[in-house]
């Protein structure tokens, strides 16, 4: 490549790495040579020379009791941003996340970690705490440690859902959460939203019926029908369960129910998820893409400014906003 550009190997290296000032003319020659040769830097050689691999490890798990398409939204947010910043992504989905993190950290395969599916007491965090590479979390654990953490504010989300329905005049609501197994293994976002919604409902004099729904079909369809059957006077439905949101149009159609005429609905899922499943319901954006983007941006900043790693860790909770798709209205007389 240096020969094609007509420069020395060291000059070509500096032009690619940006570690020394190189004239625009020489940079252009090197760029043209790179394009003509289809040159790709050798990751192993780069790691030896710079101590950086330009690879980020993304630790995620595809769990049976969670809705896989929703997880993909977070993964895309991470991988797209990493690519834009010049990093490749190593997706690690094995069940023993702590062992995988230890193995990858020790082998120096990556420059940093992004963790998804972060639980209340996540066993991966002890390993990450002692790793030489920095890490960022998408999800708020019980002990925040020295990590950069990004999440939706689920407490504010639960309160906002109830407040919006109360403002419209709804006095009886149903909340459908993720499966109870998600809570049992540490999915704190489920109970953070549910507890906040219950507390706000009590403050406002609203009756709230809380249920855990399945994460797959046809079980979630049966669950929704059972919940609606049990509370025929409920005029509002709150969804913290993506599978329930995806199944709801068919359930309402089969029951001859319209939204918002018969039932007002507010969900919690990403805008991309709504488009994928053509969901007509107002929802609080789970900000999956934004959370992945922010996690990677802050992680890369730490990787590339190692001298500043002593800076205080960041905890950023995104405030909820409702995207109005016309599925809420004042309840109709019955």
C-alpha atoms as a PDB file:
ATOM      1  CA  UNK A   1       0.000   0.000   0.000  1.00  0.00           C
ATOM      2  CA  UNK A   2       2.867   2.400   0.834  1.00  0.00           C
ATOM      3  CA  UNK A   3       4.507   1.575  -2.506  1.00  0.00           C
ATOM      4  CA  UNK A   4       1.292   2.321  -4.448  1.00  0.00           C
ATOM      5  CA  UNK A   5       0.914   5.640  -2.587  1.00  0.00           C
ATOM      6  CA  UNK A   6       4.552   6.514  -3.290  1.00  0.00           C
ATOM      7  CA  UNK A   7       5.418   7.080   0.380  1.00  0.00           C
ATOM      8  CA  UNK A   8       7.417   5.283   3.059  1.00  0.00           C
ATOM      9  CA  UNK A   9       5.806   2.624   5.252  1.00  0.00           C
ATOM     10  CA  UNK A  10       6.087   4.857   8.311  1.00  0.00           C
ATOM     11  CA  UNK A  11       4.408   7.762   6.521  1.00  0.00           C
ATOM     12  CA  UNK A  12       1.584   5.519   5.354  1.00  0.00           C
ATOM     13  CA  UNK A  13       1.172   4.227   8.912  1.00  0.00           C
ATOM     14  CA  UNK A  14       1.025   7.724  10.341  1.00  0.00           C
ATOM     15  CA  UNK A  15      -1.491   8.789   7.705  1.00  0.00           C
ATOM     16  CA  UNK A  16      -3.773   5.899   8.655  1.00  0.00           C
ATOM     17  CA  UNK A  17      -3.396   6.196  12.424  1.00  0.00           C
ATOM     18  CA  UNK A  18      -3.447   9.990  12.654  1.00  0.00           C
ATOM     19  CA  UNK A  19      -0.645   9.874  15.242  1.00  0.00           C
ATOM     20  CA  UNK A  20       1.466  12.480  13.410  1.00  0.00           C
ATOM     21  CA  UNK A  21       0.694  15.485  11.278  1.00  0.00           C
ATOM     22  CA  UNK A  22       0.664  14.496   7.626  1.00  0.00           C
ATOM     23  CA  UNK A  23       0.014  16.900   4.759  1.00  0.00           C
ATOM     24  CA  UNK A  24      -3.391  16.753   3.046  1.00  0.00           C
ATOM     25  CA  UNK A  25      -1.708  15.789  -0.226  1.00  0.00           C
ATOM     26  CA  UNK A  26      -0.006  12.757   1.304  1.00  0.00           C
ATOM     27  CA  UNK A  27      -3.172  11.731   3.164  1.00  0.00           C
ATOM     28  CA  UNK A  28      -5.040  11.837  -0.134  1.00  0.00           C
ATOM     29  CA  UNK A  29      -2.440   9.634  -1.831  1.00  0.00           C
ATOM     30  CA  UNK A  30      -2.655   7.095   0.997  1.00  0.00           C
ATOM     31  CA  UNK A  31      -6.464   7.160   0.939  1.00  0.00           C
ATOM     32  CA  UNK A  32      -6.484   6.562  -2.829  1.00  0.00           C
ATOM     33  CA  UNK A  33      -4.068   3.645  -2.406  1.00  0.00           C
ATOM     34  CA  UNK A  34      -6.254   2.154   0.332  1.00  0.00           C
ATOM     35  CA  UNK A  35      -9.318   2.405  -1.892  1.00  0.00           C
ATOM     36  CA  UNK A  36      -7.613   0.938  -4.949  1.00  0.00           C
ATOM     37  CA  UNK A  37      -6.166  -2.009  -3.034  1.00  0.00           C
ATOM     38  CA  UNK A  38      -9.191  -2.688  -0.841  1.00  0.00           C
ATOM     39  CA  UNK A  39      -6.831  -2.506   2.123  1.00  0.00           C
ATOM     40  CA  UNK A  40      -8.064  -3.534   5.590  1.00  0.00           C
ATOM     41  CA  UNK A  41      -5.767  -3.062   8.619  1.00  0.00           C
ATOM     42  CA  UNK A  42      -4.652  -6.320  10.200  1.00  0.00           C
ATOM     43  CA  UNK A  43      -6.304  -6.471  13.627  1.00  0.00           C
ATOM     44  CA  UNK A  44      -3.587  -8.621  15.173  1.00  0.00           C
ATOM     45  CA  UNK A  45      -0.787  -6.386  13.989  1.00  0.00           C
ATOM     46  CA  UNK A  46      -2.674  -3.296  15.072  1.00  0.00           C
ATOM     47  CA  UNK A  47      -3.246  -4.761  18.529  1.00  0.00           C
ATOM     48  CA  UNK A  48       0.476  -5.499  18.922  1.00  0.00           C
ATOM     49  CA  UNK A  49       1.451  -2.031  17.776  1.00  0.00           C
ATOM     50  CA  UNK A  50      -1.171   0.055  19.580  1.00  0.00           C
ATOM     51  CA  UNK A  51      -2.517  -2.216  22.372  1.00  0.00           C
ATOM     52  CA  UNK A  52      -5.962  -1.690  20.826  1.00  0.00           C
ATOM     53  CA  UNK A  53      -8.030  -4.204  18.882  1.00  0.00           C
ATOM     54  CA  UNK A  54     -10.767  -1.758  17.767  1.00  0.00           C
ATOM     55  CA  UNK A  55     -13.265  -4.418  18.877  1.00  0.00           C
ATOM     56  CA  UNK A  56     -16.027  -4.088  21.487  1.00  0.00           C
ATOM     57  CA  UNK A  57     -17.585  -7.137  23.121  1.00  0.00           C
ATOM     58  CA  UNK A  58     -21.372  -7.046  23.406  1.00  0.00           C
ATOM     59  CA  UNK A  59     -22.619  -9.471  26.058  1.00  0.00           C
ATOM     60  CA  UNK A  60     -26.279 -10.291  25.481  1.00  0.00           C
ATOM     61  CA  UNK A  61     -28.485 -13.276  26.148  1.00  0.00           C
ATOM     62  CA  UNK A  62     -31.476 -14.472  24.144  1.00  0.00           C
ATOM     63  CA  UNK A  63     -33.660 -15.727  26.957  1.00  0.00           C
ATOM     64  CA  UNK A  64     -36.701 -17.950  26.477  1.00  0.00           C
ATOM     65  CA  UNK A  65     -38.918 -15.772  28.664  1.00  0.00           C
ATOM     66  CA  UNK A  66     -38.160 -12.517  26.857  1.00  0.00           C
ATOM     67  CA  UNK A  67     -39.259 -11.382  23.410  1.00  0.00           C
ATOM     68  CA  UNK A  68     -36.254 -11.777  21.066  1.00  0.00           C
ATOM     69  CA  UNK A  69     -37.247  -9.056  18.535  1.00  0.00           C
ATOM     70  CA  UNK A  70     -37.173  -6.485  21.340  1.00  0.00           C
ATOM     71  CA  UNK A  71     -33.597  -7.487  22.264  1.00  0.00           C
ATOM     72  CA  UNK A  72     -32.493  -7.040  18.652  1.00  0.00           C
ATOM     73  CA  UNK A  73     -33.324  -3.323  18.864  1.00  0.00           C
ATOM     74  CA  UNK A  74     -30.713  -2.883  21.604  1.00  0.00           C
ATOM     75  CA  UNK A  75     -28.137  -4.935  19.711  1.00  0.00           C
ATOM     76  CA  UNK A  76     -28.572  -2.827  16.586  1.00  0.00           C
ATOM     77  CA  UNK A  77     -28.081   0.361  18.589  1.00  0.00           C
ATOM     78  CA  UNK A  78     -24.740  -0.944  19.834  1.00  0.00           C
ATOM     79  CA  UNK A  79     -23.421  -2.441  16.596  1.00  0.00           C
ATOM     80  CA  UNK A  80     -24.440   0.471  14.366  1.00  0.00           C
ATOM     81  CA  UNK A  81     -22.794   3.034  16.629  1.00  0.00           C
ATOM     82  CA  UNK A  82     -19.655   0.942  17.059  1.00  0.00           C
ATOM     83  CA  UNK A  83     -19.306   0.661  13.286  1.00  0.00           C
ATOM     84  CA  UNK A  84     -19.726   4.416  12.861  1.00  0.00           C
ATOM     85  CA  UNK A  85     -16.937   4.981  15.393  1.00  0.00           C
ATOM     86  CA  UNK A  86     -14.593   2.528  13.683  1.00  0.00           C
ATOM     87  CA  UNK A  87     -15.086  -0.466  15.970  1.00  0.00           C
ATOM     88  CA  UNK A  88     -16.179  -4.010  15.238  1.00  0.00           C
ATOM     89  CA  UNK A  89     -18.516  -5.825  17.626  1.00  0.00           C
ATOM     90  CA  UNK A  90     -18.006  -9.278  19.076  1.00  0.00           C
ATOM     91  CA  UNK A  91     -21.462 -10.591  20.041  1.00  0.00           C
ATOM     92  CA  UNK A  92     -21.280 -12.992  22.999  1.00  0.00           C
ATOM     93  CA  UNK A  93     -24.532 -14.769  23.849  1.00  0.00           C
ATOM     94  CA  UNK A  94     -23.433 -17.789  25.882  1.00  0.00           C
ATOM     95  CA  UNK A  95     -25.326 -18.566  29.068  1.00  0.00           C
ATOM     96  CA  UNK A  96     -22.390 -18.186  31.466  1.00  0.00           C
ATOM     97  CA  UNK A  97     -21.762 -14.509  30.879  1.00  0.00           C
ATOM     98  CA  UNK A  98     -19.337 -14.115  33.771  1.00  0.00           C
ATOM     99  CA  UNK A  99     -17.057 -16.872  32.465  1.00  0.00           C
ATOM    100  CA  UNK A 100     -17.225 -15.464  28.945  1.00  0.00           C
ATOM    101  CA  UNK A 101     -16.329 -11.990  30.168  1.00  0.00           C
ATOM    102  CA  UNK A 102     -13.403 -13.344  32.171  1.00  0.00           C
ATOM    103  CA  UNK A 103     -12.096 -15.322  29.200  1.00  0.00           C
ATOM    104  CA  UNK A 104     -12.376 -12.454  26.740  1.00  0.00           C
ATOM    105  CA  UNK A 105     -10.915  -9.892  29.127  1.00  0.00           C
ATOM    106  CA  UNK A 106      -7.920 -12.091  29.962  1.00  0.00           C
ATOM    107  CA  UNK A 107      -7.186 -12.793  26.308  1.00  0.00           C
ATOM    108  CA  UNK A 108      -7.196  -9.072  25.408  1.00  0.00           C
ATOM    109  CA  UNK A 109      -9.525  -9.815  22.510  1.00  0.00           C
ATOM    110  CA  UNK A 110     -11.425  -6.542  22.908  1.00  0.00           C
ATOM    111  CA  UNK A 111     -10.968  -2.972  24.082  1.00  0.00           C
ATOM    112  CA  UNK A 112     -14.135  -2.783  26.168  1.00  0.00           C
ATOM    113  CA  UNK A 113     -17.491  -4.311  27.023  1.00  0.00           C
ATOM    114  CA  UNK A 114     -21.163  -3.416  26.674  1.00  0.00           C
ATOM    115  CA  UNK A 115     -23.503  -5.499  28.827  1.00  0.00           C
ATOM    116  CA  UNK A 116     -27.190  -6.009  28.035  1.00  0.00           C
ATOM    117  CA  UNK A 117     -29.779  -7.890  30.148  1.00  0.00           C
ATOM    118  CA  UNK A 118     -28.246  -6.331  33.267  1.00  0.00           C
ATOM    119  CA  UNK A 119     -29.870  -7.889  36.345  1.00  0.00           C
ATOM    120  CA  UNK A 120     -30.408  -6.511  39.839  1.00  0.00           C
ATOM    121  CA  UNK A 121     -27.529  -8.666  41.158  1.00  0.00           C
ATOM    122  CA  UNK A 122     -25.614  -9.393  37.962  1.00  0.00           C
ATOM    123  CA  UNK A 123     -22.788 -11.904  38.367  1.00  0.00           C
ATOM    124  CA  UNK A 124     -20.936 -10.371  35.426  1.00  0.00           C
ATOM    125  CA  UNK A 125     -20.342  -7.097  37.254  1.00  0.00           C
ATOM    126  CA  UNK A 126     -17.775  -8.506  39.692  1.00  0.00           C
ATOM    127  CA  UNK A 127     -15.720  -9.776  36.760  1.00  0.00           C
ATOM    128  CA  UNK A 128     -16.086  -6.488  34.881  1.00  0.00           C
ATOM    129  CA  UNK A 129     -15.052  -4.540  37.970  1.00  0.00           C
ATOM    130  CA  UNK A 130     -11.663  -6.293  37.996  1.00  0.00           C
ATOM    131  CA  UNK A 131     -11.174  -6.331  34.201  1.00  0.00           C
ATOM    132  CA  UNK A 132      -8.478  -4.163  32.666  1.00  0.00           C
ATOM    133  CA  UNK A 133     -10.903  -2.959  29.996  1.00  0.00           C
ATOM    134  CA  UNK A 134     -13.713  -0.451  30.662  1.00  0.00           C
ATOM    135  CA  UNK A 135     -17.380  -1.388  30.437  1.00  0.00           C
ATOM    136  CA  UNK A 136     -20.781   0.217  29.956  1.00  0.00           C
ATOM    137  CA  UNK A 137     -24.135  -1.177  31.059  1.00  0.00           C
ATOM    138  CA  UNK A 138     -27.525  -0.933  29.397  1.00  0.00           C
ATOM    139  CA  UNK A 139     -29.747  -1.520  32.403  1.00  0.00           C
ATOM    140  CA  UNK A 140     -29.620  -0.349  36.009  1.00  0.00           C
ATOM    141  CA  UNK A 141     -28.313  -2.907  38.559  1.00  0.00           C
ATOM    142  CA  UNK A 142     -28.850  -2.794  42.299  1.00  0.00           C
ATOM    143  CA  UNK A 143     -25.214  -1.794  42.944  1.00  0.00           C
ATOM    144  CA  UNK A 144     -23.986   0.689  40.353  1.00  0.00           C
ATOM    145  CA  UNK A 145     -20.249   0.366  41.062  1.00  0.00           C
ATOM    146  CA  UNK A 146     -17.778   2.226  38.855  1.00  0.00           C
ATOM    147  CA  UNK A 147     -19.614   1.674  35.588  1.00  0.00           C
ATOM    148  CA  UNK A 148     -21.218   3.948  33.035  1.00  0.00           C
ATOM    149  CA  UNK A 149     -24.906   3.011  33.155  1.00  0.00           C
ATOM    150  CA  UNK A 150     -27.672   3.856  30.708  1.00  0.00           C
ATOM    151  CA  UNK A 151     -31.340   2.981  31.072  1.00  0.00           C
ATOM    152  CA  UNK A 152     -34.866   4.222  30.625  1.00  0.00           C
ATOM    153  CA  UNK A 153     -36.258   5.754  33.810  1.00  0.00           C
ATOM    154  CA  UNK A 154     -38.728   2.960  34.540  1.00  0.00           C
ATOM    155  CA  UNK A 155     -39.995   4.541  37.760  1.00  0.00           C
ATOM    156  CA  UNK A 156     -40.949   7.708  35.897  1.00  0.00           C
ATOM    157  CA  UNK A 157     -42.377   5.548  33.096  1.00  0.00           C
ATOM    158  CA  UNK A 158     -44.795   3.736  35.411  1.00  0.00           C
ATOM    159  CA  UNK A 159     -45.950   6.989  36.947  1.00  0.00           C
ATOM    160  CA  UNK A 160     -46.414   8.683  33.582  1.00  0.00           C
ATOM    161  CA  UNK A 161     -48.547   5.841  32.205  1.00  0.00           C
ATOM    162  CA  UNK A 162     -50.971   6.078  35.107  1.00  0.00           C
ATOM    163  CA  UNK A 163     -51.009   9.866  35.141  1.00  0.00           C
ATOM    164  CA  UNK A 164     -51.924  10.085  31.465  1.00  0.00           C
ATOM    165  CA  UNK A 165     -54.813   7.649  31.884  1.00  0.00           C
ATOM    166  CA  UNK A 166     -56.008   9.433  35.024  1.00  0.00           C
ATOM    167  CA  UNK A 167     -55.961  12.798  33.281  1.00  0.00           C
ATOM    168  CA  UNK A 168     -58.293  11.353  30.646  1.00  0.00           C
ATOM    169  CA  UNK A 169     -60.709  10.147  33.318  1.00  0.00           C
ATOM    170  CA  UNK A 170     -59.878   6.419  33.534  1.00  0.00           C
ATOM    171  CA  UNK A 171     -60.492   4.931  36.978  1.00  0.00           C
ATOM    172  CA  UNK A 172     -59.709   1.236  36.398  1.00  0.00           C
ATOM    173  CA  UNK A 173     -56.632  -0.019  34.555  1.00  0.00           C
ATOM    174  CA  UNK A 174     -54.848  -3.285  33.765  1.00  0.00           C
ATOM    175  CA  UNK A 175     -51.040  -3.468  33.704  1.00  0.00           C
ATOM    176  CA  UNK A 176     -49.408  -6.406  31.892  1.00  0.00           C
ATOM    177  CA  UNK A 177     -45.734  -6.924  32.738  1.00  0.00           C
ATOM    178  CA  UNK A 178     -43.046  -9.291  31.524  1.00  0.00           C
ATOM    179  CA  UNK A 179     -43.189 -12.916  32.765  1.00  0.00           C
ATOM    180  CA  UNK A 180     -42.604 -13.388  36.483  1.00  0.00           C
ATOM    181  CA  UNK A 181     -39.449 -15.390  35.715  1.00  0.00           C
ATOM    182  CA  UNK A 182     -37.884 -12.141  34.474  1.00  0.00           C
ATOM    183  CA  UNK A 183     -38.350 -10.636  37.922  1.00  0.00           C
ATOM    184  CA  UNK A 184     -37.107 -13.781  39.689  1.00  0.00           C
ATOM    185  CA  UNK A 185     -33.791 -13.706  37.860  1.00  0.00           C
ATOM    186  CA  UNK A 186     -33.260  -9.995  38.576  1.00  0.00           C
ATOM    187  CA  UNK A 187     -35.131  -8.051  35.888  1.00  0.00           C
ATOM    188  CA  UNK A 188     -35.576  -5.041  38.151  1.00  0.00           C
ATOM    189  CA  UNK A 189     -37.035  -2.851  35.409  1.00  0.00           C
ATOM    190  CA  UNK A 190     -40.245  -4.893  35.640  1.00  0.00           C
ATOM    191  CA  UNK A 191     -40.923  -4.213  39.297  1.00  0.00           C
ATOM    192  CA  UNK A 192     -39.587  -0.644  39.120  1.00  0.00           C
ATOM    193  CA  UNK A 193     -42.275   0.231  36.576  1.00  0.00           C
ATOM    194  CA  UNK A 194     -45.003  -1.841  38.237  1.00  0.00           C
ATOM    195  CA  UNK A 195     -44.345  -0.542  41.752  1.00  0.00           C
ATOM    196  CA  UNK A 196     -44.243   3.061  40.581  1.00  0.00           C
ATOM    197  CA  UNK A 197     -47.471   2.606  38.600  1.00  0.00           C
ATOM    198  CA  UNK A 198     -49.214   1.010  41.600  1.00  0.00           C
ATOM    199  CA  UNK A 199     -48.087   3.763  43.963  1.00  0.00           C
ATOM    200  CA  UNK A 200     -49.173   6.523  41.586  1.00  0.00           C
ATOM    201  CA  UNK A 201     -52.515   4.824  40.948  1.00  0.00           C
ATOM    202  CA  UNK A 202     -53.179   4.690  44.702  1.00  0.00           C
ATOM    203  CA  UNK A 203     -52.294   8.373  45.028  1.00  0.00           C
ATOM    204  CA  UNK A 204     -54.732   9.267  42.236  1.00  0.00           C
ATOM    205  CA  UNK A 205     -57.535   6.965  43.365  1.00  0.00           C
ATOM    206  CA  UNK A 206     -57.189   4.716  40.323  1.00  0.00           C
ATOM    207  CA  UNK A 207     -57.670   0.945  40.552  1.00  0.00           C
ATOM    208  CA  UNK A 208     -54.758  -0.906  38.940  1.00  0.00           C
ATOM    209  CA  UNK A 209     -54.762  -4.659  38.315  1.00  0.00           C
ATOM    210  CA  UNK A 210     -51.228  -5.975  37.761  1.00  0.00           C
ATOM    211  CA  UNK A 211     -50.471  -9.207  35.899  1.00  0.00           C
ATOM    212  CA  UNK A 212     -47.405 -10.998  34.555  1.00  0.00           C
ATOM    213  CA  UNK A 213     -47.920 -12.117  30.964  1.00  0.00           C
ATOM    214  CA  UNK A 214     -46.169 -14.671  28.792  1.00  0.00           C
ATOM    215  CA  UNK A 215     -43.468 -13.656  26.318  1.00  0.00           C
ATOM    216  CA  UNK A 216     -44.618 -15.908  23.485  1.00  0.00           C
ATOM    217  CA  UNK A 217     -47.599 -16.853  21.362  1.00  0.00           C
ATOM    218  CA  UNK A 218     -50.166 -18.325  21.716  1.00  0.00           C
ATOM    219  CA  UNK A 219     -49.834 -18.069  25.514  1.00  0.00           C
ATOM    220  CA  UNK A 220     -49.820 -14.270  25.637  1.00  0.00           C
ATOM    221  CA  UNK A 221     -52.992 -14.110  23.552  1.00  0.00           C
ATOM    222  CA  UNK A 222     -54.738 -16.361  26.061  1.00  0.00           C
ATOM    223  CA  UNK A 223     -53.334 -14.275  28.916  1.00  0.00           C
ATOM    224  CA  UNK A 224     -54.689 -11.026  27.489  1.00  0.00           C
ATOM    225  CA  UNK A 225     -58.128 -12.516  27.000  1.00  0.00           C
ATOM    226  CA  UNK A 226     -58.123 -13.797  30.576  1.00  0.00           C
ATOM    227  CA  UNK A 227     -57.083 -10.424  31.991  1.00  0.00           C
ATOM    228  CA  UNK A 228     -59.779  -8.572  30.038  1.00  0.00           C
ATOM    229  CA  UNK A 229     -62.386 -11.165  31.019  1.00  0.00           C
ATOM    230  CA  UNK A 230     -61.489 -10.774  34.696  1.00  0.00           C
ATOM    231  CA  UNK A 231     -61.964  -6.985  34.633  1.00  0.00           C
ATOM    232  CA  UNK A 232     -64.760  -6.054  32.228  1.00  0.00           C
ATOM    233  CA  UNK A 233     -65.028  -2.547  33.725  1.00  0.00           C
ATOM    234  CA  UNK A 234     -61.378  -1.672  33.046  1.00  0.00           C
ATOM    235  CA  UNK A 235     -61.127   1.069  30.433  1.00  0.00           C
ATOM    236  CA  UNK A 236     -57.349   1.300  30.121  1.00  0.00           C
ATOM    237  CA  UNK A 237     -54.537  -1.163  29.383  1.00  0.00           C
ATOM    238  CA  UNK A 238     -50.855  -0.571  30.173  1.00  0.00           C
ATOM    239  CA  UNK A 239     -48.258  -2.833  28.557  1.00  0.00           C
ATOM    240  CA  UNK A 240     -44.714  -3.440  29.793  1.00  0.00           C
ATOM    241  CA  UNK A 241     -44.495  -6.577  27.680  1.00  0.00           C
ATOM    242  CA  UNK A 242     -43.552  -6.431  23.990  1.00  0.00           C
ATOM    243  CA  UNK A 243     -45.119  -9.786  23.175  1.00  0.00           C
ATOM    244  CA  UNK A 244     -48.423  -8.550  24.614  1.00  0.00           C
ATOM    245  CA  UNK A 245     -48.238  -5.425  22.465  1.00  0.00           C
ATOM    246  CA  UNK A 246     -47.579  -7.485  19.329  1.00  0.00           C
ATOM    247  CA  UNK A 247     -50.499  -9.827  20.121  1.00  0.00           C
ATOM    248  CA  UNK A 248     -52.998  -7.158  21.167  1.00  0.00           C
ATOM    249  CA  UNK A 249     -54.339  -6.118  17.723  1.00  0.00           C
ATOM    250  CA  UNK A 250     -55.496  -9.661  17.011  1.00  0.00           C
ATOM    251  CA  UNK A 251     -56.942 -10.073  20.528  1.00  0.00           C
ATOM    252  CA  UNK A 252     -58.961  -6.873  20.301  1.00  0.00           C
ATOM    253  CA  UNK A 253     -60.150  -7.718  16.804  1.00  0.00           C
ATOM    254  CA  UNK A 254     -61.348 -11.153  17.930  1.00  0.00           C
ATOM    255  CA  UNK A 255     -63.194  -9.589  20.857  1.00  0.00           C
ATOM    256  CA  UNK A 256     -64.764  -6.868  18.708  1.00  0.00           C
ATOM    257  CA  UNK A 257     -63.081  -4.144  20.774  1.00  0.00           C
ATOM    258  CA  UNK A 258     -61.732  -0.917  19.355  1.00  0.00           C
ATOM    259  CA  UNK A 259     -59.021   1.337  20.720  1.00  0.00           C
ATOM    260  CA  UNK A 260     -59.485   3.962  22.002  1.00  0.00           C
ATOM    261  CA  UNK A 261     -63.269   3.681  21.684  1.00  0.00           C
ATOM    262  CA  UNK A 262     -63.604   0.729  24.053  1.00  0.00           C
ATOM    263  CA  UNK A 263     -60.129   0.481  25.547  1.00  0.00           C
ATOM    264  CA  UNK A 264     -57.337   3.034  25.818  1.00  0.00           C
ATOM    265  CA  UNK A 265     -53.843   1.567  25.466  1.00  0.00           C
ATOM    266  CA  UNK A 266     -50.341   2.767  26.370  1.00  0.00           C
ATOM    267  CA  UNK A 267     -47.337   0.495  25.787  1.00  0.00           C
ATOM    268  CA  UNK A 268     -43.615   0.593  26.466  1.00  0.00           C
ATOM    269  CA  UNK A 269     -41.518  -0.392  23.451  1.00  0.00           C
ATOM    270  CA  UNK A 270     -39.267   1.193  20.851  1.00  0.00           C
ATOM    271  CA  UNK A 271     -40.479   3.128  17.843  1.00  0.00           C
ATOM    272  CA  UNK A 272     -38.721   0.627  15.564  1.00  0.00           C
ATOM    273  CA  UNK A 273     -40.580  -2.194  17.310  1.00  0.00           C
ATOM    274  CA  UNK A 274     -43.885  -0.399  16.705  1.00  0.00           C
ATOM    275  CA  UNK A 275     -43.103  -0.068  12.999  1.00  0.00           C
ATOM    276  CA  UNK A 276     -41.990  -3.689  12.702  1.00  0.00           C
ATOM    277  CA  UNK A 277     -45.279  -4.988  14.091  1.00  0.00           C
ATOM    278  CA  UNK A 278     -47.460  -2.136  12.740  1.00  0.00           C
ATOM    279  CA  UNK A 279     -48.645  -1.316  16.249  1.00  0.00           C
ATOM    280  CA  UNK A 280     -51.236   1.487  16.421  1.00  0.00           C
ATOM    281  CA  UNK A 281     -50.850   2.122  20.150  1.00  0.00           C
ATOM    282  CA  UNK A 282     -49.436   5.122  21.946  1.00  0.00           C
ATOM    283  CA  UNK A 283     -46.259   4.123  23.745  1.00  0.00           C
ATOM    284  CA  UNK A 284     -43.328   5.265  25.797  1.00  0.00           C
ATOM    285  CA  UNK A 285     -40.272   4.664  23.658  1.00  0.00           C
ATOM    286  CA  UNK A 286     -37.967   2.165  25.374  1.00  0.00           C
ATOM    287  CA  UNK A 287     -35.129   4.087  23.669  1.00  0.00           C
ATOM    288  CA  UNK A 288     -33.345   0.859  22.735  1.00  0.00           C
ATOM    289  CA  UNK A 289     -31.354   2.428  19.916  1.00  0.00           C
ATOM    290  CA  UNK A 290     -30.498   5.539  21.938  1.00  0.00           C
ATOM    291  CA  UNK A 291     -29.356   3.528  24.954  1.00  0.00           C
ATOM    292  CA  UNK A 292     -27.072   1.386  22.791  1.00  0.00           C
ATOM    293  CA  UNK A 293     -25.702   4.479  21.084  1.00  0.00           C
ATOM    294  CA  UNK A 294     -24.956   6.315  24.311  1.00  0.00           C
ATOM    295  CA  UNK A 295     -23.338   3.276  25.901  1.00  0.00           C
ATOM    296  CA  UNK A 296     -20.962   2.805  22.962  1.00  0.00           C
ATOM    297  CA  UNK A 297     -20.132   6.503  22.641  1.00  0.00           C
ATOM    298  CA  UNK A 298     -19.126   6.753  26.298  1.00  0.00           C
ATOM    299  CA  UNK A 299     -17.275   3.439  26.192  1.00  0.00           C
ATOM    300  CA  UNK A 300     -15.241   4.487  23.153  1.00  0.00           C
ATOM    301  CA  UNK A 301     -14.469   7.827  24.807  1.00  0.00           C
ATOM    302  CA  UNK A 302     -13.027   5.944  27.769  1.00  0.00           C
ATOM    303  CA  UNK A 303     -11.081   3.539  25.551  1.00  0.00           C
ATOM    304  CA  UNK A 304      -9.511   6.340  23.557  1.00  0.00           C
ATOM    305  CA  UNK A 305      -8.731   8.569  26.546  1.00  0.00           C
ATOM    306  CA  UNK A 306      -7.298   5.990  28.951  1.00  0.00           C
ATOM    307  CA  UNK A 307      -5.564   8.663  30.996  1.00  0.00           C
ATOM    308  CA  UNK A 308      -8.950  10.058  31.990  1.00  0.00           C
ATOM    309  CA  UNK A 309     -10.438   6.767  33.237  1.00  0.00           C
ATOM    310  CA  UNK A 310     -10.509   8.163  36.779  1.00  0.00           C
ATOM    311  CA  UNK A 311     -13.404  10.422  35.806  1.00  0.00           C
ATOM    312  CA  UNK A 312     -16.581   9.784  37.787  1.00  0.00           C
ATOM    313  CA  UNK A 313     -18.846   7.049  36.387  1.00  0.00           C
ATOM    314  CA  UNK A 314     -21.998   8.216  34.630  1.00  0.00           C
ATOM    315  CA  UNK A 315     -25.527   7.061  35.436  1.00  0.00           C
ATOM    316  CA  UNK A 316     -27.958   8.337  32.835  1.00  0.00           C
ATOM    317  CA  UNK A 317     -31.679   7.548  33.027  1.00  0.00           C
ATOM    318  CA  UNK A 318     -33.622   8.701  29.985  1.00  0.00           C
ATOM    319  CA  UNK A 319     -36.875  10.459  30.953  1.00  0.00           C
ATOM    320  CA  UNK A 320     -39.985   8.888  29.384  1.00  0.00           C
ATOM    321  CA  UNK A 321     -42.125  10.558  26.745  1.00  0.00           C
ATOM    322  CA  UNK A 322     -45.347   9.194  25.271  1.00  0.00           C
ATOM    323  CA  UNK A 323     -45.501   8.903  21.488  1.00  0.00           C
ATOM    324  CA  UNK A 324     -49.152   9.549  20.734  1.00  0.00           C
ATOM    325  CA  UNK A 325     -50.568   7.217  18.106  1.00  0.00           C
ATOM    326  CA  UNK A 326     -54.210   7.937  18.931  1.00  0.00           C
ATOM    327  CA  UNK A 327     -54.946   4.963  21.197  1.00  0.00           C
ATOM    328  CA  UNK A 328     -55.971   6.956  24.268  1.00  0.00           C
ATOM    329  CA  UNK A 329     -59.152   8.945  24.902  1.00  0.00           C
ATOM    330  CA  UNK A 330     -61.626   9.639  27.646  1.00  0.00           C
ATOM    331  CA  UNK A 331     -63.541   6.482  28.611  1.00  0.00           C
ATOM    332  CA  UNK A 332     -66.954   6.015  26.986  1.00  0.00           C
ATOM    333  CA  UNK A 333     -70.087   5.545  29.131  1.00  0.00           C
ATOM    334  CA  UNK A 334     -70.965   1.871  29.571  1.00  0.00           C
END
